[in-house]
Amino acid sequence: YVDFDVEKCKEMARRVSPDITIYEISSRTGEGMDAWYGWLAGRIA
């Protein structure tokens, strides 16, 4: 429903921070949240 280029956004983010970790999520539907939780689990451990 929006005019948004995901790959372009990710490229711009990596242009200023090459090593940034990016997760595509929806906090409303839960899409992609498991990957975020996996990152958290590894860091907490």
PDB file of all heavy atoms in Angstrom:
ATOM      1  N   TYR A   1       0.795  -1.226   0.000  1.00  0.00           N
ATOM      2  CA  TYR A   1       0.000   0.000   0.000  1.00  0.00           C
ATOM      3  C   TYR A   1       0.832   1.282   0.000  1.00  0.00           C
ATOM      4  O   TYR A   1       0.279   2.377  -0.003  1.00  0.00           O
ATOM      5  CB  TYR A   1      -0.924   0.010   1.232  1.00  0.00           C
ATOM      6  CG  TYR A   1      -1.650  -1.295   1.424  1.00  0.00           C
ATOM      7  CD1 TYR A   1      -1.251  -2.188   2.425  1.00  0.00           C
ATOM      8  CD2 TYR A   1      -2.706  -1.657   0.598  1.00  0.00           C
ATOM      9  CE1 TYR A   1      -1.903  -3.400   2.600  1.00  0.00           C
ATOM     10  CE2 TYR A   1      -3.363  -2.870   0.767  1.00  0.00           C
ATOM     11  CZ  TYR A   1      -2.949  -3.734   1.769  1.00  0.00           C
ATOM     12  OH  TYR A   1      -3.603  -4.936   1.927  1.00  0.00           O
ATOM     13  N   VAL A   2       2.150   1.147   0.024  1.00  0.00           N
ATOM     14  CA  VAL A   2       3.016   2.331   0.057  1.00  0.00           C
ATOM     15  C   VAL A   2       4.067   2.252  -1.046  1.00  0.00           C
ATOM     16  O   VAL A   2       4.389   1.174  -1.542  1.00  0.00           O
ATOM     17  CB  VAL A   2       3.721   2.487   1.430  1.00  0.00           C
ATOM     18  CG1 VAL A   2       2.707   2.715   2.536  1.00  0.00           C
ATOM     19  CG2 VAL A   2       4.599   1.277   1.756  1.00  0.00           C
ATOM     20  N   ASP A   3       4.594   3.402  -1.393  1.00  0.00           N
ATOM     21  CA  ASP A   3       5.657   3.485  -2.404  1.00  0.00           C
ATOM     22  C   ASP A   3       6.998   3.454  -1.679  1.00  0.00           C
ATOM     23  O   ASP A   3       7.507   4.482  -1.253  1.00  0.00           O
ATOM     24  CB  ASP A   3       5.492   4.773  -3.211  1.00  0.00           C
ATOM     25  CG  ASP A   3       6.518   4.887  -4.331  1.00  0.00           C
ATOM     26  OD1 ASP A   3       7.170   3.872  -4.629  1.00  0.00           O
ATOM     27  OD2 ASP A   3       6.671   5.989  -4.887  1.00  0.00           O
ATOM     28  N   PHE A   4       7.548   2.252  -1.518  1.00  0.00           N
ATOM     29  CA  PHE A   4       8.766   2.074  -0.738  1.00  0.00           C
ATOM     30  C   PHE A   4       9.599   0.974  -1.369  1.00  0.00           C
ATOM     31  O   PHE A   4       9.119  -0.141  -1.583  1.00  0.00           O
ATOM     32  CB  PHE A   4       8.427   1.710   0.710  1.00  0.00           C
ATOM     33  CG  PHE A   4       9.611   1.658   1.645  1.00  0.00           C
ATOM     34  CD1 PHE A   4       9.968   2.774   2.390  1.00  0.00           C
ATOM     35  CD2 PHE A   4      10.350   0.486   1.789  1.00  0.00           C
ATOM     36  CE1 PHE A   4      11.058   2.727   3.255  1.00  0.00           C
ATOM     37  CE2 PHE A   4      11.437   0.439   2.648  1.00  0.00           C
ATOM     38  CZ  PHE A   4      11.789   1.562   3.386  1.00  0.00           C
ATOM     39  N   ASP A   5      10.859   1.275  -1.648  1.00  0.00           N
ATOM     40  CA  ASP A   5      11.777   0.321  -2.261  1.00  0.00           C
ATOM     41  C   ASP A   5      12.674  -0.277  -1.175  1.00  0.00           C
ATOM     42  O   ASP A   5      13.610   0.371  -0.701  1.00  0.00           O
ATOM     43  CB  ASP A   5      12.616   1.040  -3.323  1.00  0.00           C
ATOM     44  CG  ASP A   5      13.467   0.094  -4.152  1.00  0.00           C
ATOM     45  OD1 ASP A   5      13.915  -0.935  -3.605  1.00  0.00           O
ATOM     46  OD2 ASP A   5      13.702   0.400  -5.329  1.00  0.00           O
ATOM     47  N   VAL A   6      12.375  -1.506  -0.777  1.00  0.00           N
ATOM     48  CA  VAL A   6      13.095  -2.149   0.324  1.00  0.00           C
ATOM     49  C   VAL A   6      14.582  -2.285   0.013  1.00  0.00           C
ATOM     50  O   VAL A   6      15.438  -1.960   0.852  1.00  0.00           O
ATOM     51  CB  VAL A   6      12.490  -3.532   0.638  1.00  0.00           C
ATOM     52  CG1 VAL A   6      13.388  -4.296   1.623  1.00  0.00           C
ATOM     53  CG2 VAL A   6      11.095  -3.383   1.218  1.00  0.00           C
ATOM     54  N   GLU A   7      14.910  -2.770  -1.170  1.00  0.00           N
ATOM     55  CA  GLU A   7      16.310  -2.990  -1.516  1.00  0.00           C
ATOM     56  C   GLU A   7      17.084  -1.676  -1.583  1.00  0.00           C
ATOM     57  O   GLU A   7      18.248  -1.609  -1.180  1.00  0.00           O
ATOM     58  CB  GLU A   7      16.420  -3.756  -2.826  1.00  0.00           C
ATOM     59  CG  GLU A   7      15.915  -5.188  -2.741  1.00  0.00           C
ATOM     60  CD  GLU A   7      16.533  -5.974  -1.591  1.00  0.00           C
ATOM     61  OE1 GLU A   7      17.767  -5.914  -1.437  1.00  0.00           O
ATOM     62  OE2 GLU A   7      15.781  -6.632  -0.843  1.00  0.00           O
ATOM     63  N   LYS A   8      16.439  -0.635  -2.066  1.00  0.00           N
ATOM     64  CA  LYS A   8      17.077   0.679  -2.116  1.00  0.00           C
ATOM     65  C   LYS A   8      17.349   1.190  -0.709  1.00  0.00           C
ATOM     66  O   LYS A   8      18.420   1.742  -0.430  1.00  0.00           O
ATOM     67  CB  LYS A   8      16.196   1.657  -2.880  1.00  0.00           C
ATOM     68  CG  LYS A   8      16.837   3.014  -3.128  1.00  0.00           C
ATOM     69  CD  LYS A   8      15.927   3.877  -3.983  1.00  0.00           C
ATOM     70  CE  LYS A   8      16.541   5.248  -4.269  1.00  0.00           C
ATOM     71  NZ  LYS A   8      15.628   6.087  -5.100  1.00  0.00           N
ATOM     72  N   CYS A   9      16.398   0.997   0.191  1.00  0.00           N
ATOM     73  CA  CYS A   9      16.570   1.421   1.581  1.00  0.00           C
ATOM     74  C   CYS A   9      17.734   0.676   2.231  1.00  0.00           C
ATOM     75  O   CYS A   9      18.579   1.275   2.904  1.00  0.00           O
ATOM     76  CB  CYS A   9      15.284   1.182   2.361  1.00  0.00           C
ATOM     77  SG  CYS A   9      15.394   1.625   4.104  1.00  0.00           S
ATOM     78  N   LYS A  10      17.796  -0.625   2.018  1.00  0.00           N
ATOM     79  CA  LYS A  10      18.867  -1.425   2.597  1.00  0.00           C
ATOM     80  C   LYS A  10      20.235  -1.018   2.034  1.00  0.00           C
ATOM     81  O   LYS A  10      21.231  -0.949   2.765  1.00  0.00           O
ATOM     82  CB  LYS A  10      18.590  -2.904   2.348  1.00  0.00           C
ATOM     83  CG  LYS A  10      17.400  -3.420   3.151  1.00  0.00           C
ATOM     84  CD  LYS A  10      16.833  -4.709   2.613  1.00  0.00           C
ATOM     85  CE  LYS A  10      17.703  -5.884   2.829  1.00  0.00           C
ATOM     86  NZ  LYS A  10      17.029  -7.161   2.431  1.00  0.00           N
ATOM     87  N   GLU A  11      20.256  -0.708   0.742  1.00  0.00           N
ATOM     88  CA  GLU A  11      21.505  -0.256   0.139  1.00  0.00           C
ATOM     89  C   GLU A  11      21.957   1.066   0.735  1.00  0.00           C
ATOM     90  O   GLU A  11      23.146   1.269   1.004  1.00  0.00           O
ATOM     91  CB  GLU A  11      21.315  -0.120  -1.378  1.00  0.00           C
ATOM     92  CG  GLU A  11      22.578   0.227  -2.149  1.00  0.00           C
ATOM     93  CD  GLU A  11      22.853   1.720  -2.207  1.00  0.00           C
ATOM     94  OE1 GLU A  11      21.883   2.497  -2.241  1.00  0.00           O
ATOM     95  OE2 GLU A  11      24.039   2.117  -2.205  1.00  0.00           O
ATOM     96  N   MET A  12      21.007   1.978   0.973  1.00  0.00           N
ATOM     97  CA  MET A  12      21.344   3.268   1.571  1.00  0.00           C
ATOM     98  C   MET A  12      21.836   3.098   3.001  1.00  0.00           C
ATOM     99  O   MET A  12      22.780   3.771   3.435  1.00  0.00           O
ATOM    100  CB  MET A  12      20.130   4.196   1.531  1.00  0.00           C
ATOM    101  CG  MET A  12      19.769   4.682   0.140  1.00  0.00           C
ATOM    102  SD  MET A  12      18.333   5.782   0.157  1.00  0.00           S
ATOM    103  CE  MET A  12      18.222   6.206  -1.587  1.00  0.00           C
ATOM    104  N   ALA A  13      21.213   2.199   3.747  1.00  0.00           N
ATOM    105  CA  ALA A  13      21.650   1.944   5.124  1.00  0.00           C
ATOM    106  C   ALA A  13      23.074   1.403   5.143  1.00  0.00           C
ATOM    107  O   ALA A  13      23.904   1.811   5.970  1.00  0.00           O
ATOM    108  CB  ALA A  13      20.698   0.971   5.803  1.00  0.00           C
ATOM    109  N   ARG A  14      23.385   0.492   4.214  1.00  0.00           N
ATOM    110  CA  ARG A  14      24.722  -0.095   4.180  1.00  0.00           C
ATOM    111  C   ARG A  14      25.753   0.868   3.619  1.00  0.00           C
ATOM    112  O   ARG A  14      26.956   0.687   3.825  1.00  0.00           O
ATOM    113  CB  ARG A  14      24.678  -1.396   3.382  1.00  0.00           C
ATOM    114  CG  ARG A  14      23.909  -2.495   4.134  1.00  0.00           C
ATOM    115  CD  ARG A  14      23.898  -3.815   3.411  1.00  0.00           C
ATOM    116  NE  ARG A  14      23.279  -4.836   4.257  1.00  0.00           N
ATOM    117  CZ  ARG A  14      22.248  -5.593   3.888  1.00  0.00           C
ATOM    118  NH1 ARG A  14      21.708  -5.441   2.671  1.00  0.00           N
ATOM    119  NH2 ARG A  14      21.747  -6.483   4.709  1.00  0.00           N
ATOM    120  N   ARG A  15      25.291   1.891   2.923  1.00  0.00           N
ATOM    121  CA  ARG A  15      26.217   2.897   2.425  1.00  0.00           C
ATOM    122  C   ARG A  15      26.819   3.683   3.590  1.00  0.00           C
ATOM    123  O   ARG A  15      27.987   4.064   3.564  1.00  0.00           O
ATOM    124  CB  ARG A  15      25.504   3.853   1.468  1.00  0.00           C
ATOM    125  CG  ARG A  15      26.451   4.628   0.564  1.00  0.00           C
ATOM    126  CD  ARG A  15      25.727   5.623  -0.317  1.00  0.00           C
ATOM    127  NE  ARG A  15      24.682   5.027  -1.140  1.00  0.00           N
ATOM    128  CZ  ARG A  15      23.871   5.735  -1.930  1.00  0.00           C
ATOM    129  NH1 ARG A  15      23.994   7.071  -1.969  1.00  0.00           N
ATOM    130  NH2 ARG A  15      22.959   5.135  -2.643  1.00  0.00           N
ATOM    131  N   VAL A  16      26.013   3.927   4.631  1.00  0.00           N
ATOM    132  CA  VAL A  16      26.513   4.676   5.791  1.00  0.00           C
ATOM    133  C   VAL A  16      27.004   3.747   6.902  1.00  0.00           C
ATOM    134  O   VAL A  16      27.761   4.163   7.775  1.00  0.00           O
ATOM    135  CB  VAL A  16      25.447   5.652   6.343  1.00  0.00           C
ATOM    136  CG1 VAL A  16      25.094   6.680   5.304  1.00  0.00           C
ATOM    137  CG2 VAL A  16      24.204   4.934   6.826  1.00  0.00           C
ATOM    138  N   SER A  17      26.568   2.479   6.866  1.00  0.00           N
ATOM    139  CA  SER A  17      26.985   1.515   7.890  1.00  0.00           C
ATOM    140  C   SER A  17      27.104   0.138   7.233  1.00  0.00           C
ATOM    141  O   SER A  17      26.166  -0.662   7.266  1.00  0.00           O
ATOM    142  CB  SER A  17      25.967   1.474   9.035  1.00  0.00           C
ATOM    143  OG  SER A  17      26.386   0.594  10.056  1.00  0.00           O
ATOM    144  N   PRO A  18      28.239  -0.158   6.618  1.00  0.00           N
ATOM    145  CA  PRO A  18      28.389  -1.385   5.822  1.00  0.00           C
ATOM    146  C   PRO A  18      28.077  -2.681   6.561  1.00  0.00           C
ATOM    147  O   PRO A  18      27.630  -3.651   5.944  1.00  0.00           O
ATOM    148  CB  PRO A  18      29.865  -1.342   5.391  1.00  0.00           C
ATOM    149  CG  PRO A  18      30.218   0.103   5.416  1.00  0.00           C
ATOM    150  CD  PRO A  18      29.450   0.688   6.568  1.00  0.00           C
ATOM    151  N   ASP A  19      28.298  -2.701   7.854  1.00  0.00           N
ATOM    152  CA  ASP A  19      28.121  -3.939   8.616  1.00  0.00           C
ATOM    153  C   ASP A  19      26.789  -4.018   9.349  1.00  0.00           C
ATOM    154  O   ASP A  19      26.583  -4.929  10.162  1.00  0.00           O
ATOM    155  CB  ASP A  19      29.262  -4.106   9.619  1.00  0.00           C
ATOM    156  CG  ASP A  19      30.612  -4.239   8.939  1.00  0.00           C
ATOM    157  OD1 ASP A  19      30.668  -4.869   7.865  1.00  0.00           O
ATOM    158  OD2 ASP A  19      31.601  -3.698   9.467  1.00  0.00           O
ATOM    159  N   ILE A  20      25.873  -3.089   9.102  1.00  0.00           N
ATOM    160  CA  ILE A  20      24.606  -3.081   9.823  1.00  0.00           C
ATOM    161  C   ILE A  20      23.802  -4.344   9.519  1.00  0.00           C
ATOM    162  O   ILE A  20      23.771  -4.827   8.378  1.00  0.00           O
ATOM    163  CB  ILE A  20      23.786  -1.808   9.495  1.00  0.00           C
ATOM    164  CG1 ILE A  20      22.657  -1.609  10.523  1.00  0.00           C
ATOM    165  CG2 ILE A  20      23.242  -1.844   8.057  1.00  0.00           C
ATOM    166  CD1 ILE A  20      22.003  -0.241  10.435  1.00  0.00           C
ATOM    167  N   THR A  21      23.205  -4.922  10.537  1.00  0.00           N
ATOM    168  CA  THR A  21      22.337  -6.090  10.393  1.00  0.00           C
ATOM    169  C   THR A  21      20.901  -5.597  10.211  1.00  0.00           C
ATOM    170  O   THR A  21      20.434  -4.758  10.993  1.00  0.00           O
ATOM    171  CB  THR A  21      22.427  -6.988  11.638  1.00  0.00           C
ATOM    172  OG1 THR A  21      23.779  -7.457  11.780  1.00  0.00           O
ATOM    173  CG2 THR A  21      21.492  -8.172  11.537  1.00  0.00           C
ATOM    174  N   ILE A  22      20.218  -6.112   9.198  1.00  0.00           N
ATOM    175  CA  ILE A  22      18.883  -5.621   8.860  1.00  0.00           C
ATOM    176  C   ILE A  22      17.876  -6.765   8.925  1.00  0.00           C
ATOM    177  O   ILE A  22      18.085  -7.829   8.332  1.00  0.00           O
ATOM    178  CB  ILE A  22      18.861  -4.984   7.459  1.00  0.00           C
ATOM    179  CG1 ILE A  22      19.856  -3.827   7.388  1.00  0.00           C
ATOM    180  CG2 ILE A  22      17.456  -4.508   7.103  1.00  0.00           C
ATOM    181  CD1 ILE A  22      20.030  -3.248   5.988  1.00  0.00           C
ATOM    182  N   TYR A  23      16.778  -6.528   9.637  1.00  0.00           N
ATOM    183  CA  TYR A  23      15.674  -7.482   9.675  1.00  0.00           C
ATOM    184  C   TYR A  23      14.408  -6.792   9.179  1.00  0.00           C
ATOM    185  O   TYR A  23      14.079  -5.693   9.632  1.00  0.00           O
ATOM    186  CB  TYR A  23      15.452  -8.010  11.098  1.00  0.00           C
ATOM    187  CG  TYR A  23      16.630  -8.777  11.641  1.00  0.00           C
ATOM    188  CD1 TYR A  23      17.411  -8.246  12.666  1.00  0.00           C
ATOM    189  CD2 TYR A  23      16.970 -10.030  11.125  1.00  0.00           C
ATOM    190  CE1 TYR A  23      18.501  -8.945  13.155  1.00  0.00           C
ATOM    191  CE2 TYR A  23      18.060 -10.729  11.613  1.00  0.00           C
ATOM    192  CZ  TYR A  23      18.822 -10.181  12.634  1.00  0.00           C
ATOM    193  OH  TYR A  23      19.903 -10.864  13.112  1.00  0.00           O
ATOM    194  N   GLU A  24      13.726  -7.435   8.252  1.00  0.00           N
ATOM    195  CA  GLU A  24      12.443  -6.934   7.769  1.00  0.00           C
ATOM    196  C   GLU A  24      11.355  -7.547   8.634  1.00  0.00           C
ATOM    197  O   GLU A  24      11.215  -8.774   8.694  1.00  0.00           O
ATOM    198  CB  GLU A  24      12.244  -7.312   6.299  1.00  0.00           C
ATOM    199  CG  GLU A  24      13.303  -6.756   5.373  1.00  0.00           C
ATOM    200  CD  GLU A  24      13.181  -7.293   3.960  1.00  0.00           C
ATOM    201  OE1 GLU A  24      12.044  -7.505   3.495  1.00  0.00           O
ATOM    202  OE2 GLU A  24      14.237  -7.511   3.327  1.00  0.00           O
ATOM    203  N   ILE A  25      10.597  -6.696   9.322  1.00  0.00           N
ATOM    204  CA  ILE A  25       9.629  -7.200  10.293  1.00  0.00           C
ATOM    205  C   ILE A  25       8.280  -6.499  10.175  1.00  0.00           C
ATOM    206  O   ILE A  25       8.160  -5.420   9.590  1.00  0.00           O
ATOM    207  CB  ILE A  25      10.134  -7.018  11.743  1.00  0.00           C
ATOM    208  CG1 ILE A  25      10.205  -5.519  12.103  1.00  0.00           C
ATOM    209  CG2 ILE A  25      11.484  -7.701  11.953  1.00  0.00           C
ATOM    210  CD1 ILE A  25      10.377  -5.254  13.590  1.00  0.00           C
ATOM    211  N   SER A  26       7.293  -7.129  10.755  1.00  0.00           N
ATOM    212  CA  SER A  26       6.016  -6.477  11.036  1.00  0.00           C
ATOM    213  C   SER A  26       5.677  -6.773  12.484  1.00  0.00           C
ATOM    214  O   SER A  26       5.395  -7.929  12.840  1.00  0.00           O
ATOM    215  CB  SER A  26       4.900  -6.995  10.131  1.00  0.00           C
ATOM    216  OG  SER A  26       3.633  -6.546  10.607  1.00  0.00           O
ATOM    217  N   SER A  27       5.729  -5.758  13.319  1.00  0.00           N
ATOM    218  CA  SER A  27       5.398  -5.969  14.729  1.00  0.00           C
ATOM    219  C   SER A  27       3.901  -6.216  14.914  1.00  0.00           C
ATOM    220  O   SER A  27       3.473  -6.685  15.957  1.00  0.00           O
ATOM    221  CB  SER A  27       5.850  -4.771  15.567  1.00  0.00           C
ATOM    222  OG  SER A  27       5.301  -3.569  15.080  1.00  0.00           O
ATOM    223  N   ARG A  28       3.111  -5.925  13.883  1.00  0.00           N
ATOM    224  CA  ARG A  28       1.663  -6.172  13.954  1.00  0.00           C
ATOM    225  C   ARG A  28       1.333  -7.623  13.639  1.00  0.00           C
ATOM    226  O   ARG A  28       0.575  -8.270  14.360  1.00  0.00           O
ATOM    227  CB  ARG A  28       0.907  -5.252  13.003  1.00  0.00           C
ATOM    228  CG  ARG A  28      -0.621  -5.336  13.130  1.00  0.00           C
ATOM    229  CD  ARG A  28      -1.314  -4.368  12.203  1.00  0.00           C
ATOM    230  NE  ARG A  28      -1.162  -4.759  10.809  1.00  0.00           N
ATOM    231  CZ  ARG A  28      -1.983  -5.618  10.182  1.00  0.00           C
ATOM    232  NH1 ARG A  28      -2.986  -6.175  10.844  1.00  0.00           N
ATOM    233  NH2 ARG A  28      -1.794  -5.913   8.922  1.00  0.00           N
ATOM    234  N   THR A  29       1.918  -8.176  12.566  1.00  0.00           N
ATOM    235  CA  THR A  29       1.607  -9.547  12.154  1.00  0.00           C
ATOM    236  C   THR A  29       2.585 -10.576  12.701  1.00  0.00           C
ATOM    237  O   THR A  29       2.296 -11.770  12.713  1.00  0.00           O
ATOM    238  CB  THR A  29       1.599  -9.661  10.621  1.00  0.00           C
ATOM    239  OG1 THR A  29       2.943  -9.498  10.134  1.00  0.00           O
ATOM    240  CG2 THR A  29       0.691  -8.609   9.996  1.00  0.00           C
ATOM    241  N   GLY A  30       3.773 -10.125  13.110  1.00  0.00           N
ATOM    242  CA  GLY A  30       4.802 -11.043  13.584  1.00  0.00           C
ATOM    243  C   GLY A  30       5.772 -11.484  12.508  1.00  0.00           C
ATOM    244  O   GLY A  30       6.743 -12.201  12.788  1.00  0.00           O
ATOM    245  N   GLU A  31       5.563 -11.050  11.274  1.00  0.00           N
ATOM    246  CA  GLU A  31       6.450 -11.423  10.181  1.00  0.00           C
ATOM    247  C   GLU A  31       7.892 -10.985  10.470  1.00  0.00           C
ATOM    248  O   GLU A  31       8.138  -9.842  10.845  1.00  0.00           O
ATOM    249  CB  GLU A  31       5.980 -10.773   8.884  1.00  0.00           C
ATOM    250  CG  GLU A  31       6.830 -11.098   7.671  1.00  0.00           C
ATOM    251  CD  GLU A  31       6.334 -10.438   6.397  1.00  0.00           C
ATOM    252  OE1 GLU A  31       5.214  -9.886   6.409  1.00  0.00           O
ATOM    253  OE2 GLU A  31       7.072 -10.474   5.393  1.00  0.00           O
ATOM    254  N   GLY A  32       8.819 -11.898  10.313  1.00  0.00           N
ATOM    255  CA  GLY A  32      10.237 -11.588  10.471  1.00  0.00           C
ATOM    256  C   GLY A  32      10.726 -11.473  11.905  1.00  0.00           C
ATOM    257  O   GLY A  32      11.939 -11.318  12.128  1.00  0.00           O
ATOM    258  N   MET A  33       9.844 -11.573  12.872  1.00  0.00           N
ATOM    259  CA  MET A  33      10.258 -11.360  14.259  1.00  0.00           C
ATOM    260  C   MET A  33      11.150 -12.483  14.783  1.00  0.00           C
ATOM    261  O   MET A  33      12.003 -12.256  15.635  1.00  0.00           O
ATOM    262  CB  MET A  33       9.033 -11.201  15.159  1.00  0.00           C
ATOM    263  CG  MET A  33       8.182  -9.963  14.859  1.00  0.00           C
ATOM    264  SD  MET A  33       9.043  -8.396  15.164  1.00  0.00           S
ATOM    265  CE  MET A  33       8.974  -8.299  16.954  1.00  0.00           C
ATOM    266  N   ASP A  34      10.977 -13.698  14.273  1.00  0.00           N
ATOM    267  CA  ASP A  34      11.796 -14.810  14.756  1.00  0.00           C
ATOM    268  C   ASP A  34      13.280 -14.579  14.484  1.00  0.00           C
ATOM    269  O   ASP A  34      14.136 -14.963  15.291  1.00  0.00           O
ATOM    270  CB  ASP A  34      11.341 -16.125  14.122  1.00  0.00           C
ATOM    271  CG  ASP A  34      10.055 -16.663  14.743  1.00  0.00           C
ATOM    272  OD1 ASP A  34       9.704 -16.206  15.850  1.00  0.00           O
ATOM    273  OD2 ASP A  34       9.405 -17.525  14.117  1.00  0.00           O
ATOM    274  N   ALA A  35      13.583 -13.965  13.352  1.00  0.00           N
ATOM    275  CA  ALA A  35      14.995 -13.673  13.044  1.00  0.00           C
ATOM    276  C   ALA A  35      15.556 -12.668  14.039  1.00  0.00           C
ATOM    277  O   ALA A  35      16.708 -12.796  14.494  1.00  0.00           O
ATOM    278  CB  ALA A  35      15.117 -13.147  11.622  1.00  0.00           C
ATOM    279  N   TRP A  36      14.772 -11.669  14.385  1.00  0.00           N
ATOM    280  CA  TRP A  36      15.141 -10.688  15.401  1.00  0.00           C
ATOM    281  C   TRP A  36      15.356 -11.369  16.746  1.00  0.00           C
ATOM    282  O   TRP A  36      16.353 -11.119  17.434  1.00  0.00           O
ATOM    283  CB  TRP A  36      14.060  -9.617  15.465  1.00  0.00           C
ATOM    284  CG  TRP A  36      13.946  -8.777  16.685  1.00  0.00           C
ATOM    285  CD1 TRP A  36      12.834  -8.635  17.470  1.00  0.00           C
ATOM    286  CD2 TRP A  36      14.927  -7.892  17.263  1.00  0.00           C
ATOM    287  NE1 TRP A  36      13.059  -7.742  18.491  1.00  0.00           N
ATOM    288  CE2 TRP A  36      14.339  -7.269  18.395  1.00  0.00           C
ATOM    289  CE3 TRP A  36      16.249  -7.579  16.931  1.00  0.00           C
ATOM    290  CZ2 TRP A  36      15.015  -6.353  19.188  1.00  0.00           C
ATOM    291  CZ3 TRP A  36      16.926  -6.665  17.741  1.00  0.00           C
ATOM    292  CH2 TRP A  36      16.313  -6.070  18.842  1.00  0.00           C
ATOM    293  N   TYR A  37      14.467 -12.288  17.108  1.00  0.00           N
ATOM    294  CA  TYR A  37      14.602 -12.995  18.381  1.00  0.00           C
ATOM    295  C   TYR A  37      15.839 -13.890  18.386  1.00  0.00           C
ATOM    296  O   TYR A  37      16.489 -14.050  19.420  1.00  0.00           O
ATOM    297  CB  TYR A  37      13.355 -13.846  18.660  1.00  0.00           C
ATOM    298  CG  TYR A  37      12.072 -13.059  18.745  1.00  0.00           C
ATOM    299  CD1 TYR A  37      10.842 -13.670  18.456  1.00  0.00           C
ATOM    300  CD2 TYR A  37      12.062 -11.705  19.093  1.00  0.00           C
ATOM    301  CE1 TYR A  37       9.662 -12.962  18.535  1.00  0.00           C
ATOM    302  CE2 TYR A  37      10.881 -10.990  19.164  1.00  0.00           C
ATOM    303  CZ  TYR A  37       9.681 -11.625  18.877  1.00  0.00           C
ATOM    304  OH  TYR A  37       8.496 -10.920  18.934  1.00  0.00           O
ATOM    305  N   GLY A  38      16.158 -14.455  17.233  1.00  0.00           N
ATOM    306  CA  GLY A  38      17.356 -15.280  17.146  1.00  0.00           C
ATOM    307  C   GLY A  38      18.616 -14.461  17.386  1.00  0.00           C
ATOM    308  O   GLY A  38      19.551 -14.919  18.058  1.00  0.00           O
ATOM    309  N   TRP A  39      18.629 -13.249  16.829  1.00  0.00           N
ATOM    310  CA  TRP A  39      19.768 -12.350  17.070  1.00  0.00           C
ATOM    311  C   TRP A  39      19.876 -12.021  18.552  1.00  0.00           C
ATOM    312  O   TRP A  39      20.968 -12.063  19.133  1.00  0.00           O
ATOM    313  CB  TRP A  39      19.596 -11.073  16.250  1.00  0.00           C
ATOM    314  CG  TRP A  39      20.716 -10.101  16.390  1.00  0.00           C
ATOM    315  CD1 TRP A  39      21.877 -10.052  15.668  1.00  0.00           C
ATOM    316  CD2 TRP A  39      20.803  -9.001  17.332  1.00  0.00           C
ATOM    317  NE1 TRP A  39      22.679  -9.010  16.096  1.00  0.00           N
ATOM    318  CE2 TRP A  39      22.030  -8.350  17.120  1.00  0.00           C
ATOM    319  CE3 TRP A  39      19.950  -8.521  18.320  1.00  0.00           C
ATOM    320  CZ2 TRP A  39      22.434  -7.248  17.872  1.00  0.00           C
ATOM    321  CZ3 TRP A  39      20.343  -7.439  19.077  1.00  0.00           C
ATOM    322  CH2 TRP A  39      21.576  -6.792  18.841  1.00  0.00           C
ATOM    323  N   LEU A  40      18.753 -11.698  19.179  1.00  0.00           N
ATOM    324  CA  LEU A  40      18.741 -11.402  20.611  1.00  0.00           C
ATOM    325  C   LEU A  40      19.266 -12.581  21.421  1.00  0.00           C
ATOM    326  O   LEU A  40      20.079 -12.413  22.339  1.00  0.00           O
ATOM    327  CB  LEU A  40      17.327 -11.058  21.068  1.00  0.00           C
ATOM    328  CG  LEU A  40      16.799  -9.661  20.788  1.00  0.00           C
ATOM    329  CD1 LEU A  40      15.330  -9.572  21.190  1.00  0.00           C
ATOM    330  CD2 LEU A  40      17.605  -8.605  21.523  1.00  0.00           C
ATOM    331  N   ALA A  41      18.795 -13.764  21.097  1.00  0.00           N
ATOM    332  CA  ALA A  41      19.191 -14.965  21.853  1.00  0.00           C
ATOM    333  C   ALA A  41      20.695 -15.165  21.806  1.00  0.00           C
ATOM    334  O   ALA A  41      21.334 -15.470  22.821  1.00  0.00           O
ATOM    335  CB  ALA A  41      18.468 -16.188  21.311  1.00  0.00           C
ATOM    336  N   GLY A  42      21.282 -14.986  20.635  1.00  0.00           N
ATOM    337  CA  GLY A  42      22.722 -15.160  20.501  1.00  0.00           C
ATOM    338  C   GLY A  42      23.505 -14.146  21.316  1.00  0.00           C
ATOM    339  O   GLY A  42      24.504 -14.487  21.960  1.00  0.00           O
ATOM    340  N   ARG A  43      23.048 -12.905  21.305  1.00  0.00           N
ATOM    341  CA  ARG A  43      23.759 -11.854  22.043  1.00  0.00           C
ATOM    342  C   ARG A  43      23.597 -11.999  23.540  1.00  0.00           C
ATOM    343  O   ARG A  43      24.533 -11.771  24.302  1.00  0.00           O
ATOM    344  CB  ARG A  43      23.277 -10.482  21.595  1.00  0.00           C
ATOM    345  CG  ARG A  43      23.528 -10.145  20.130  1.00  0.00           C
ATOM    346  CD  ARG A  43      24.962 -10.442  19.726  1.00  0.00           C
ATOM    347  NE  ARG A  43      25.319  -9.979  18.396  1.00  0.00           N
ATOM    348  CZ  ARG A  43      25.056 -10.636  17.269  1.00  0.00           C
ATOM    349  NH1 ARG A  43      24.389 -11.784  17.314  1.00  0.00           N
ATOM    350  NH2 ARG A  43      25.451 -10.160  16.113  1.00  0.00           N
ATOM    351  N   ILE A  44      22.410 -12.375  23.977  1.00  0.00           N
ATOM    352  CA  ILE A  44      22.189 -12.569  25.417  1.00  0.00           C
ATOM    353  C   ILE A  44      23.058 -13.737  25.926  1.00  0.00           C
ATOM    354  O   ILE A  44      23.689 -13.648  26.986  1.00  0.00           O
ATOM    355  CB  ILE A  44      20.701 -12.847  25.719  1.00  0.00           C
ATOM    356  CG1 ILE A  44      19.871 -11.580  25.419  1.00  0.00           C
ATOM    357  CG2 ILE A  44      20.507 -13.271  27.167  1.00  0.00           C
ATOM    358  CD1 ILE A  44      18.369 -11.806  25.450  1.00  0.00           C
ATOM    359  N   ALA A  45      23.123 -14.808  25.152  1.00  0.00           N
ATOM    360  CA  ALA A  45      23.948 -15.958  25.537  1.00  0.00           C
ATOM    361  C   ALA A  45      25.408 -15.575  25.630  1.00  0.00           C
ATOM    362  O   ALA A  45      26.124 -16.000  26.534  1.00  0.00           O
ATOM    363  CB  ALA A  45      23.750 -17.084  24.531  1.00  0.00           C
TER     364      ALA A  45
END
